[in-house]
Amino acid sequence: MNSHRSYIVMIILCFFLGTLGIHRIYAGKVGTAFLMFITGGGLLIWWLIDLIIIIIGAFKDKEGYPIRP
């Protein structure tokens, strides 16, 4: 089963606001979103890894469901 969250919205949020962790808030992962915000997206490395994971469809929401197209 896939997440009810939009794949396209996740990509857009991550690409434009990823270093602030906004895409993680959208996915329900508020704790890691806060960490991402205070570290600047893990010095951009965390942001890039998240973007790749989202694009390949392996990113999971808070409930553990993958966010896929």
PDB file of N, CA and C in Angstrom:
ATOM      1  N   MET A   1       0.841  -1.187   0.000  1.00  0.00           N
ATOM      2  CA  MET A   1       0.000   0.000   0.000  1.00  0.00           C
ATOM      3  C   MET A   1       0.880   1.243   0.000  1.00  0.00           C
ATOM      4  N   ASN A   2       0.467   2.245  -0.739  1.00  0.00           N
ATOM      5  CA  ASN A   2       1.206   3.501  -0.832  1.00  0.00           C
ATOM      6  C   ASN A   2       0.602   4.561   0.080  1.00  0.00           C
ATOM      7  N   SER A   3       1.378   5.581   0.366  1.00  0.00           N
ATOM      8  CA  SER A   3       0.947   6.711   1.193  1.00  0.00           C
ATOM      9  C   SER A   3      -0.113   7.521   0.452  1.00  0.00           C
ATOM     10  N   HIS A   4      -0.940   8.230   1.207  1.00  0.00           N
ATOM     11  CA  HIS A   4      -1.929   9.116   0.599  1.00  0.00           C
ATOM     12  C   HIS A   4      -1.309  10.471   0.228  1.00  0.00           C
ATOM     13  N   ARG A   5      -0.059  10.686   0.594  1.00  0.00           N
ATOM     14  CA  ARG A   5       0.623  11.939   0.282  1.00  0.00           C
ATOM     15  C   ARG A   5       1.092  11.931  -1.178  1.00  0.00           C
ATOM     16  N   SER A   6       1.109  13.112  -1.771  1.00  0.00           N
ATOM     17  CA  SER A   6       1.426  13.247  -3.192  1.00  0.00           C
ATOM     18  C   SER A   6       2.932  13.160  -3.464  1.00  0.00           C
ATOM     19  N   TYR A   7       3.284  12.324  -4.411  1.00  0.00           N
ATOM     20  CA  TYR A   7       4.670  12.146  -4.848  1.00  0.00           C
ATOM     21  C   TYR A   7       5.217  13.440  -5.460  1.00  0.00           C
ATOM     22  N   ILE A   8       4.427  14.077  -6.311  1.00  0.00           N
ATOM     23  CA  ILE A   8       4.852  15.310  -6.983  1.00  0.00           C
ATOM     24  C   ILE A   8       5.071  16.433  -5.972  1.00  0.00           C
ATOM     25  N   VAL A   9       4.166  16.552  -5.017  1.00  0.00           N
ATOM     26  CA  VAL A   9       4.312  17.581  -3.971  1.00  0.00           C
ATOM     27  C   VAL A   9       5.586  17.331  -3.173  1.00  0.00           C
ATOM     28  N   MET A  10       5.875  16.071  -2.856  1.00  0.00           N
ATOM     29  CA  MET A  10       7.099  15.737  -2.119  1.00  0.00           C
ATOM     30  C   MET A  10       8.343  16.162  -2.892  1.00  0.00           C
ATOM     31  N   ILE A  11       8.389  15.890  -4.183  1.00  0.00           N
ATOM     32  CA  ILE A  11       9.551  16.270  -4.995  1.00  0.00           C
ATOM     33  C   ILE A  11       9.713  17.787  -5.028  1.00  0.00           C
ATOM     34  N   ILE A  12       8.610  18.491  -5.235  1.00  0.00           N
ATOM     35  CA  ILE A  12       8.661  19.958  -5.298  1.00  0.00           C
ATOM     36  C   ILE A  12       9.111  20.549  -3.968  1.00  0.00           C
ATOM     37  N   LEU A  13       8.521  20.071  -2.867  1.00  0.00           N
ATOM     38  CA  LEU A  13       8.902  20.582  -1.546  1.00  0.00           C
ATOM     39  C   LEU A  13      10.367  20.290  -1.238  1.00  0.00           C
ATOM     40  N   CYS A  14      10.816  19.100  -1.556  1.00  0.00           N
ATOM     41  CA  CYS A  14      12.198  18.738  -1.280  1.00  0.00           C
ATOM     42  C   CYS A  14      13.161  19.551  -2.132  1.00  0.00           C
ATOM     43  N   PHE A  15      12.844  19.729  -3.385  1.00  0.00           N
ATOM     44  CA  PHE A  15      13.744  20.449  -4.281  1.00  0.00           C
ATOM     45  C   PHE A  15      13.898  21.916  -3.873  1.00  0.00           C
ATOM     46  N   PHE A  16      12.768  22.580  -3.581  1.00  0.00           N
ATOM     47  CA  PHE A  16      12.815  24.011  -3.300  1.00  0.00           C
ATOM     48  C   PHE A  16      13.011  24.358  -1.819  1.00  0.00           C
ATOM     49  N   LEU A  17      12.481  23.533  -0.920  1.00  0.00           N
ATOM     50  CA  LEU A  17      12.546  23.841   0.514  1.00  0.00           C
ATOM     51  C   LEU A  17      13.171  22.716   1.326  1.00  0.00           C
ATOM     52  N   GLY A  18      13.892  21.842   0.651  1.00  0.00           N
ATOM     53  CA  GLY A  18      14.443  20.659   1.295  1.00  0.00           C
ATOM     54  C   GLY A  18      15.405  20.919   2.427  1.00  0.00           C
ATOM     55  N   THR A  19      16.239  21.940   2.302  1.00  0.00           N
ATOM     56  CA  THR A  19      17.206  22.210   3.370  1.00  0.00           C
ATOM     57  C   THR A  19      16.524  22.687   4.642  1.00  0.00           C
ATOM     58  N   LEU A  20      15.271  23.123   4.536  1.00  0.00           N
ATOM     59  CA  LEU A  20      14.506  23.530   5.711  1.00  0.00           C
ATOM     60  C   LEU A  20      13.706  22.368   6.304  1.00  0.00           C
ATOM     61  N   GLY A  21      13.669  21.239   5.622  1.00  0.00           N
ATOM     62  CA  GLY A  21      12.962  20.066   6.109  1.00  0.00           C
ATOM     63  C   GLY A  21      11.461  20.087   5.889  1.00  0.00           C
ATOM     64  N   ILE A  22      10.977  20.973   5.040  1.00  0.00           N
ATOM     65  CA  ILE A  22       9.535  21.110   4.805  1.00  0.00           C
ATOM     66  C   ILE A  22       8.930  19.833   4.239  1.00  0.00           C
ATOM     67  N   HIS A  23       9.645  19.133   3.376  1.00  0.00           N
ATOM     68  CA  HIS A  23       9.129  17.888   2.808  1.00  0.00           C
ATOM     69  C   HIS A  23       8.938  16.830   3.900  1.00  0.00           C
ATOM     70  N   ARG A  24       9.778  16.860   4.929  1.00  0.00           N
ATOM     71  CA  ARG A  24       9.634  15.904   6.028  1.00  0.00           C
ATOM     72  C   ARG A  24       8.419  16.242   6.896  1.00  0.00           C
ATOM     73  N   ILE A  25       8.117  17.520   7.061  1.00  0.00           N
ATOM     74  CA  ILE A  25       6.895  17.916   7.778  1.00  0.00           C
ATOM     75  C   ILE A  25       5.684  17.410   7.006  1.00  0.00           C
ATOM     76  N   TYR A  26       5.704  17.567   5.680  1.00  0.00           N
ATOM     77  CA  TYR A  26       4.612  17.078   4.832  1.00  0.00           C
ATOM     78  C   TYR A  26       4.431  15.565   4.985  1.00  0.00           C
ATOM     79  N   ALA A  27       5.523  14.847   5.150  1.00  0.00           N
ATOM     80  CA  ALA A  27       5.466  13.389   5.318  1.00  0.00           C
ATOM     81  C   ALA A  27       5.127  12.981   6.751  1.00  0.00           C
ATOM     82  N   GLY A  28       5.030  13.954   7.661  1.00  0.00           N
ATOM     83  CA  GLY A  28       4.675  13.660   9.045  1.00  0.00           C
ATOM     84  C   GLY A  28       5.865  13.414   9.952  1.00  0.00           C
ATOM     85  N   LYS A  29       7.057  13.627   9.453  1.00  0.00           N
ATOM     86  CA  LYS A  29       8.281  13.386  10.234  1.00  0.00           C
ATOM     87  C   LYS A  29       8.793  14.711  10.807  1.00  0.00           C
ATOM     88  N   VAL A  30       8.096  15.221  11.814  1.00  0.00           N
ATOM     89  CA  VAL A  30       8.382  16.548  12.362  1.00  0.00           C
ATOM     90  C   VAL A  30       9.723  16.594  13.099  1.00  0.00           C
ATOM     91  N   GLY A  31      10.053  15.557  13.834  1.00  0.00           N
ATOM     92  CA  GLY A  31      11.307  15.534  14.584  1.00  0.00           C
ATOM     93  C   GLY A  31      12.528  15.641  13.700  1.00  0.00           C
ATOM     94  N   THR A  32      12.574  14.831  12.650  1.00  0.00           N
ATOM     95  CA  THR A  32      13.725  14.889  11.745  1.00  0.00           C
ATOM     96  C   THR A  32      13.682  16.149  10.882  1.00  0.00           C
ATOM     97  N   ALA A  33      12.490  16.696  10.670  1.00  0.00           N
ATOM     98  CA  ALA A  33      12.387  17.966   9.946  1.00  0.00           C
ATOM     99  C   ALA A  33      13.057  19.077  10.750  1.00  0.00           C
ATOM    100  N   PHE A  34      12.845  19.080  12.054  1.00  0.00           N
ATOM    101  CA  PHE A  34      13.476  20.078  12.908  1.00  0.00           C
ATOM    102  C   PHE A  34      15.001  19.935  12.875  1.00  0.00           C
ATOM    103  N   LEU A  35      15.480  18.700  12.955  1.00  0.00           N
ATOM    104  CA  LEU A  35      16.932  18.464  12.879  1.00  0.00           C
ATOM    105  C   LEU A  35      17.495  18.930  11.544  1.00  0.00           C
ATOM    106  N   MET A  36      16.757  18.673  10.489  1.00  0.00           N
ATOM    107  CA  MET A  36      17.202  19.088   9.166  1.00  0.00           C
ATOM    108  C   MET A  36      17.247  20.617   9.069  1.00  0.00           C
ATOM    109  N   PHE A  37      16.281  21.262   9.683  1.00  0.00           N
ATOM    110  CA  PHE A  37      16.220  22.726   9.678  1.00  0.00           C
ATOM    111  C   PHE A  37      17.424  23.335  10.402  1.00  0.00           C
ATOM    112  N   ILE A  38      17.747  22.810  11.583  1.00  0.00           N
ATOM    113  CA  ILE A  38      18.838  23.422  12.346  1.00  0.00           C
ATOM    114  C   ILE A  38      20.227  23.064  11.801  1.00  0.00           C
ATOM    115  N   THR A  39      20.320  22.024  10.985  1.00  0.00           N
ATOM    116  CA  THR A  39      21.625  21.675  10.391  1.00  0.00           C
ATOM    117  C   THR A  39      21.751  22.134   8.941  1.00  0.00           C
ATOM    118  N   GLY A  40      20.749  22.844   8.446  1.00  0.00           N
ATOM    119  CA  GLY A  40      20.806  23.309   7.058  1.00  0.00           C
ATOM    120  C   GLY A  40      20.755  22.162   6.073  1.00  0.00           C
ATOM    121  N   GLY A  41      19.905  21.207   6.343  1.00  0.00           N
ATOM    122  CA  GLY A  41      19.782  20.051   5.458  1.00  0.00           C
ATOM    123  C   GLY A  41      20.971  19.121   5.573  1.00  0.00           C
ATOM    124  N   GLY A  42      21.560  19.097   6.779  1.00  0.00           N
ATOM    125  CA  GLY A  42      22.734  18.242   6.974  1.00  0.00           C
ATOM    126  C   GLY A  42      23.874  18.663   6.062  1.00  0.00           C
ATOM    127  N   LEU A  43      24.053  20.015   6.000  1.00  0.00           N
ATOM    128  CA  LEU A  43      25.066  20.596   5.109  1.00  0.00           C
ATOM    129  C   LEU A  43      24.850  20.159   3.668  1.00  0.00           C
ATOM    130  N   LEU A  44      23.601  20.095   3.283  1.00  0.00           N
ATOM    131  CA  LEU A  44      23.128  19.755   1.933  1.00  0.00           C
ATOM    132  C   LEU A  44      23.247  18.276   1.583  1.00  0.00           C
ATOM    133  N   ILE A  45      23.997  17.516   2.337  1.00  0.00           N
ATOM    134  CA  ILE A  45      24.135  16.090   2.036  1.00  0.00           C
ATOM    135  C   ILE A  45      22.831  15.363   2.327  1.00  0.00           C
ATOM    136  N   TRP A  46      22.238  15.648   3.497  1.00  0.00           N
ATOM    137  CA  TRP A  46      20.980  15.019   3.885  1.00  0.00           C
ATOM    138  C   TRP A  46      19.896  15.371   2.871  1.00  0.00           C
ATOM    139  N   TRP A  47      19.878  16.629   2.431  1.00  0.00           N
ATOM    140  CA  TRP A  47      18.892  17.079   1.448  1.00  0.00           C
ATOM    141  C   TRP A  47      19.033  16.293   0.138  1.00  0.00           C
ATOM    142  N   LEU A  48      20.253  16.142  -0.324  1.00  0.00           N
ATOM    143  CA  LEU A  48      20.498  15.431  -1.583  1.00  0.00           C
ATOM    144  C   LEU A  48      20.097  13.956  -1.483  1.00  0.00           C
ATOM    145  N   ILE A  49      20.417  13.332  -0.368  1.00  0.00           N
ATOM    146  CA  ILE A  49      20.044  11.931  -0.158  1.00  0.00           C
ATOM    147  C   ILE A  49      18.525  11.785  -0.141  1.00  0.00           C
ATOM    148  N   ASP A  50      17.840  12.683   0.586  1.00  0.00           N
ATOM    149  CA  ASP A  50      16.375  12.644   0.618  1.00  0.00           C
ATOM    150  C   ASP A  50      15.793  12.821  -0.778  1.00  0.00           C
ATOM    151  N   LEU A  51      16.331  13.756  -1.547  1.00  0.00           N
ATOM    152  CA  LEU A  51      15.821  13.997  -2.898  1.00  0.00           C
ATOM    153  C   LEU A  51      15.947  12.742  -3.756  1.00  0.00           C
ATOM    154  N   ILE A  52      17.074  12.076  -3.682  1.00  0.00           N
ATOM    155  CA  ILE A  52      17.280  10.843  -4.448  1.00  0.00           C
ATOM    156  C   ILE A  52      16.318   9.754  -3.989  1.00  0.00           C
ATOM    157  N   ILE A  53      16.157   9.598  -2.679  1.00  0.00           N
ATOM    158  CA  ILE A  53      15.255   8.576  -2.143  1.00  0.00           C
ATOM    159  C   ILE A  53      13.810   8.849  -2.564  1.00  0.00           C
ATOM    160  N   ILE A  54      13.414  10.120  -2.584  1.00  0.00           N
ATOM    161  CA  ILE A  54      12.057  10.464  -3.013  1.00  0.00           C
ATOM    162  C   ILE A  54      11.880  10.145  -4.496  1.00  0.00           C
ATOM    163  N   ILE A  55      12.840  10.520  -5.320  1.00  0.00           N
ATOM    164  CA  ILE A  55      12.737  10.294  -6.767  1.00  0.00           C
ATOM    165  C   ILE A  55      12.626   8.808  -7.102  1.00  0.00           C
ATOM    166  N   ILE A  56      13.383   7.957  -6.406  1.00  0.00           N
ATOM    167  CA  ILE A  56      13.300   6.525  -6.714  1.00  0.00           C
ATOM    168  C   ILE A  56      12.090   5.851  -6.060  1.00  0.00           C
ATOM    169  N   GLY A  57      11.327   6.598  -5.247  1.00  0.00           N
ATOM    170  CA  GLY A  57      10.100   6.072  -4.662  1.00  0.00           C
ATOM    171  C   GLY A  57      10.292   5.258  -3.399  1.00  0.00           C
ATOM    172  N   ALA A  58      11.403   5.453  -2.708  1.00  0.00           N
ATOM    173  CA  ALA A  58      11.678   4.679  -1.500  1.00  0.00           C
ATOM    174  C   ALA A  58      11.450   5.465  -0.206  1.00  0.00           C
ATOM    175  N   PHE A  59      11.077   6.749  -0.295  1.00  0.00           N
ATOM    176  CA  PHE A  59      10.849   7.561   0.899  1.00  0.00           C
ATOM    177  C   PHE A  59       9.523   7.144   1.535  1.00  0.00           C
ATOM    178  N   LYS A  60       9.516   6.991   2.850  1.00  0.00           N
ATOM    179  CA  LYS A  60       8.308   6.550   3.553  1.00  0.00           C
ATOM    180  C   LYS A  60       7.783   7.661   4.452  1.00  0.00           C
ATOM    181  N   ASP A  61       6.457   7.697   4.590  1.00  0.00           N
ATOM    182  CA  ASP A  61       5.850   8.684   5.465  1.00  0.00           C
ATOM    183  C   ASP A  61       5.898   8.213   6.914  1.00  0.00           C
ATOM    184  N   LYS A  62       5.269   8.970   7.802  1.00  0.00           N
ATOM    185  CA  LYS A  62       5.297   8.667   9.232  1.00  0.00           C
ATOM    186  C   LYS A  62       4.712   7.291   9.540  1.00  0.00           C
ATOM    187  N   GLU A  63       3.739   6.875   8.787  1.00  0.00           N
ATOM    188  CA  GLU A  63       3.091   5.580   9.006  1.00  0.00           C
ATOM    189  C   GLU A  63       3.879   4.421   8.396  1.00  0.00           C
ATOM    190  N   GLY A  64       4.932   4.715   7.660  1.00  0.00           N
ATOM    191  CA  GLY A  64       5.753   3.669   7.057  1.00  0.00           C
ATOM    192  C   GLY A  64       5.356   3.285   5.647  1.00  0.00           C
ATOM    193  N   TYR A  65       4.394   4.025   5.067  1.00  0.00           N
ATOM    194  CA  TYR A  65       3.978   3.749   3.697  1.00  0.00           C
ATOM    195  C   TYR A  65       4.855   4.521   2.715  1.00  0.00           C
ATOM    196  N   PRO A  66       5.290   3.882   1.643  1.00  0.00           N
ATOM    197  CA  PRO A  66       6.129   4.588   0.662  1.00  0.00           C
ATOM    198  C   PRO A  66       5.335   5.631  -0.112  1.00  0.00           C
ATOM    199  N   ILE A  67       6.005   6.753  -0.394  1.00  0.00           N
ATOM    200  CA  ILE A  67       5.400   7.811  -1.203  1.00  0.00           C
ATOM    201  C   ILE A  67       5.906   7.605  -2.621  1.00  0.00           C
ATOM    202  N   ARG A  68       5.032   7.073  -3.462  1.00  0.00           N
ATOM    203  CA  ARG A  68       5.392   6.697  -4.834  1.00  0.00           C
ATOM    204  C   ARG A  68       4.447   7.342  -5.825  1.00  0.00           C
ATOM    205  N   PRO A  69       4.893   7.397  -7.091  1.00  0.00           N
ATOM    206  CA  PRO A  69       3.995   7.965  -8.131  1.00  0.00           C
ATOM    207  C   PRO A  69       2.779   7.093  -8.383  1.00  0.00           C
TER     208      PRO A  69
END
